[in-house]
Amino acid sequence: MPVAEGLSAVPLEQPQGGVSSLDMASLLLSAYELGDLINQSAEVAEYLYWKSLVDQDEEVKQLQKQFAKAKELFAECERFGRFHPDYNAAKDKVKQIERELSEIESVRSYKLAEQVVDGMLYEVSRAIAESVSDNIKVPSNENAGGGCGSGGSCSCGSGGCG
C-alpha cells in the first residue's frame, strides 16, 4: 500500500503579520500526490484490469440488463410488501441473477479487487483522521464492497458495472 510520507502543515505568513496554521495549497498538493500514489498502486491496477474485463463481457452485460429488470419488478412488488402475489417470485429472480453474476470469474475477481481498493482507501482515510485527532469520526467500512450483483458500489442495479 502506498505510504504518505512527508505530509505536514506548513506555517504561512499572513499579510497582517499573523501565521496560518495550515497552508491549504501545500495540503492540497500533498493530497493529490497521495491520490497519484494510490492510483499507481498494484491494488488499483488489479481493480482496473478486472473492471475492464467485466465491462467487455457480453454475458455480464446481458445479465446486468436482466438484473435491472428483475430489480425493478421486485421494487414494484416491494411497494405492496410480502403480500403481493409476485413478491417471492420477484425476490427469487433477483437472487438467481445475482448468483449467475457471481459465478462469472471476472465478476468475482472484480468484486474482490473492489473490496481490496475500498479497504485501502478506508485505511488511508482512517490514518489521516487519526493523525489529526482520536475523536474524528471516519465512516464505517462494514458494508463496503457491494460490488456486482448486489446493486452495490458498481451500480449493477442501474444496469452497469463500473
Protein backbone atom coordinates (compact mmCIF):
# COMPACT_ATOMS: atom_id res chain seq x y z
CA MET A 1 0.00 0.00 0.00
CA PRO A 2 1.33 3.50 -0.78
CA VAL A 3 2.67 5.41 2.18
CA ALA A 4 2.09 9.11 2.75
CA GLU A 5 5.50 10.38 3.76
CA GLY A 6 6.39 13.98 4.36
CA LEU A 7 2.87 15.32 4.74
CA SER A 8 2.90 18.29 7.06
CA ALA A 9 1.16 21.58 7.60
CA VAL A 10 3.48 24.46 6.79
CA PRO A 11 3.04 27.74 8.70
CA LEU A 12 2.23 30.54 6.26
CA GLU A 13 2.83 34.24 6.86
CA GLN A 14 -0.37 36.24 6.56
CA PRO A 15 -0.46 39.84 5.20
CA GLN A 16 -1.42 41.19 8.64
CA GLY A 17 1.65 39.58 10.19
CA GLY A 18 -0.21 36.55 11.62
CA VAL A 19 0.62 32.94 10.84
CA SER A 20 -1.88 30.48 9.38
CA SER A 21 -1.75 27.07 10.99
CA LEU A 22 -2.29 25.43 7.64
CA ASP A 23 -1.04 26.05 4.13
CA MET A 24 -4.02 24.84 2.10
CA ALA A 25 -2.08 24.81 -1.18
CA SER A 26 0.57 22.56 0.35
CA LEU A 27 -2.08 20.33 1.87
CA LEU A 28 -3.96 20.01 -1.42
CA LEU A 29 -0.74 19.27 -3.30
CA SER A 30 0.05 16.51 -0.80
CA ALA A 31 -3.47 15.12 -1.17
CA TYR A 32 -3.09 14.98 -4.96
CA GLU A 33 0.30 13.29 -4.56
CA LEU A 34 -1.28 10.71 -2.25
CA GLY A 35 -4.06 10.18 -4.79
CA ASP A 36 -1.47 9.63 -7.52
CA LEU A 37 0.34 7.07 -5.36
CA ILE A 38 -2.91 5.23 -4.76
CA ASN A 39 -3.79 5.32 -8.48
CA GLN A 40 -0.36 3.83 -9.28
CA SER A 41 -0.73 1.01 -6.74
CA ALA A 42 -0.93 -2.66 -7.64
CA GLU A 43 -4.34 -2.82 -5.96
CA VAL A 44 -5.82 -0.19 -8.27
CA ALA A 45 -4.15 -1.78 -11.32
CA GLU A 46 -5.74 -5.12 -10.41
CA TYR A 47 -9.14 -3.44 -9.92
CA LEU A 48 -8.94 -1.66 -13.29
CA TYR A 49 -7.90 -4.87 -15.05
CA TRP A 50 -10.90 -6.83 -13.77
CA LYS A 51 -13.22 -3.86 -14.32
CA SER A 52 -12.23 -3.72 -17.98
CA LEU A 53 -12.91 -7.46 -18.36
CA VAL A 54 -16.33 -7.09 -16.74
CA ASP A 55 -17.14 -4.09 -18.94
CA GLN A 56 -16.29 -6.07 -22.10
CA ASP A 57 -18.06 -9.31 -21.16
CA GLU A 58 -21.24 -9.74 -23.21
CA GLU A 59 -22.64 -12.34 -20.80
CA VAL A 60 -22.24 -9.88 -17.93
CA LYS A 61 -23.93 -7.12 -19.93
CA GLN A 62 -26.88 -9.40 -20.67
CA LEU A 63 -27.20 -10.45 -17.02
CA GLN A 64 -26.97 -6.80 -15.92
CA LYS A 65 -29.94 -5.95 -18.13
CA GLN A 66 -31.88 -8.90 -16.74
CA PHE A 67 -30.89 -7.89 -13.22
CA ALA A 68 -32.07 -4.31 -13.73
CA LYS A 69 -35.47 -5.54 -14.98
CA ALA A 70 -35.79 -8.08 -12.15
CA LYS A 71 -34.82 -5.49 -9.57
CA GLU A 72 -37.36 -3.04 -10.97
CA LEU A 73 -40.10 -5.69 -10.81
CA PHE A 74 -39.10 -6.58 -7.26
CA ALA A 75 -39.18 -2.90 -6.23
CA GLU A 76 -42.69 -2.67 -7.65
CA CYS A 77 -43.77 -5.76 -5.69
CA GLU A 78 -41.99 -4.50 -2.58
CA ARG A 79 -44.16 -1.38 -2.55
CA PHE A 80 -47.04 -3.63 -1.54
CA GLY A 81 -44.96 -5.81 0.78
CA ARG A 82 -44.71 -9.55 1.21
CA PHE A 83 -48.38 -9.93 0.48
CA HIS A 84 -48.02 -9.00 -3.20
CA PRO A 85 -48.76 -12.17 -5.21
CA ASP A 86 -45.45 -11.94 -7.13
CA TYR A 87 -43.26 -10.81 -4.21
CA ASN A 88 -41.45 -14.13 -3.60
CA ALA A 89 -41.04 -14.93 -7.29
CA ALA A 90 -39.61 -11.46 -7.97
CA LYS A 91 -37.25 -11.74 -4.99
CA ASP A 92 -36.13 -15.21 -6.10
CA LYS A 93 -35.46 -13.94 -9.64
CA VAL A 94 -33.19 -11.15 -8.32
CA LYS A 95 -31.27 -13.65 -6.18
CA GLN A 96 -30.97 -16.09 -9.09
CA ILE A 97 -29.45 -13.45 -11.36
CA GLU A 98 -27.12 -12.34 -8.55
CA ARG A 99 -25.93 -15.95 -8.26
CA GLU A 100 -25.42 -16.18 -12.02
CA LEU A 101 -23.36 -12.98 -11.96
CA SER A 102 -21.27 -14.17 -9.03
CA GLU A 103 -20.46 -17.42 -10.88
CA ILE A 104 -18.61 -15.47 -13.58
CA GLU A 105 -14.88 -15.35 -12.79
CA SER A 106 -14.36 -11.78 -13.97
CA VAL A 107 -17.23 -10.54 -11.77
CA ARG A 108 -15.94 -12.46 -8.72
CA SER A 109 -12.43 -11.12 -9.24
CA TYR A 110 -13.74 -7.61 -9.87
CA LYS A 111 -15.75 -7.68 -6.63
CA LEU A 112 -12.71 -8.90 -4.69
CA ALA A 113 -10.44 -6.25 -6.22
CA GLU A 114 -13.07 -3.61 -5.49
CA GLN A 115 -13.14 -4.67 -1.83
CA VAL A 116 -9.33 -4.53 -1.63
CA VAL A 117 -9.24 -0.98 -3.05
CA ASP A 118 -12.12 0.05 -0.80
CA GLY A 119 -10.26 -1.34 2.22
CA MET A 120 -7.09 0.51 1.22
CA LEU A 121 -9.00 3.81 0.86
CA TYR A 122 -10.68 3.24 4.22
CA GLU A 123 -7.32 2.60 5.92
CA VAL A 124 -5.82 5.75 4.34
CA SER A 125 -8.76 7.90 5.44
CA ARG A 126 -8.62 6.37 8.92
CA ALA A 127 -4.88 7.04 9.19
CA ILE A 128 -5.38 10.66 8.12
CA ALA A 129 -8.25 11.17 10.56
CA GLU A 130 -6.35 9.59 13.46
CA SER A 131 -3.28 11.68 12.72
CA VAL A 132 -5.45 14.75 13.32
CA SER A 133 -7.34 13.52 16.38
CA ASP A 134 -8.57 10.33 18.00
CA ASN A 135 -12.04 11.92 18.17
CA ILE A 136 -12.52 12.44 14.43
CA LYS A 137 -15.03 10.02 13.01
CA VAL A 138 -14.32 8.03 9.88
CA PRO A 139 -17.26 6.45 8.02
CA SER A 140 -17.67 2.78 8.78
CA ASN A 141 -16.36 0.27 6.28
CA GLU A 142 -18.59 -2.60 7.42
CA ASN A 143 -20.97 -2.68 4.45
CA ALA A 144 -18.40 -1.76 1.83
CA GLY A 145 -17.79 -3.60 -1.40
CA GLY A 146 -21.33 -4.34 -2.50
CA GLY A 147 -19.99 -4.88 -5.98
CA CYS A 148 -21.69 -6.53 -8.94
CA GLY A 149 -24.86 -8.43 -8.42
CA SER A 150 -25.83 -6.75 -5.20
CA GLY A 151 -26.55 -3.38 -6.74
CA GLY A 152 -23.78 -2.02 -4.53
CA SER A 153 -20.97 0.29 -5.46
CA CYS A 154 -20.61 -0.96 -9.01
CA SER A 155 -24.17 0.07 -9.86
CA CYS A 156 -25.34 -3.21 -11.33
CA GLY A 157 -28.80 -2.28 -10.15
CA SER A 158 -28.74 0.64 -12.55
CA GLY A 159 -27.58 -1.55 -15.39
CA GLY A 160 -23.83 -1.35 -15.43
CA CYS A 161 -20.74 -2.43 -13.57
CA GLY A 162 -18.42 0.47 -13.43
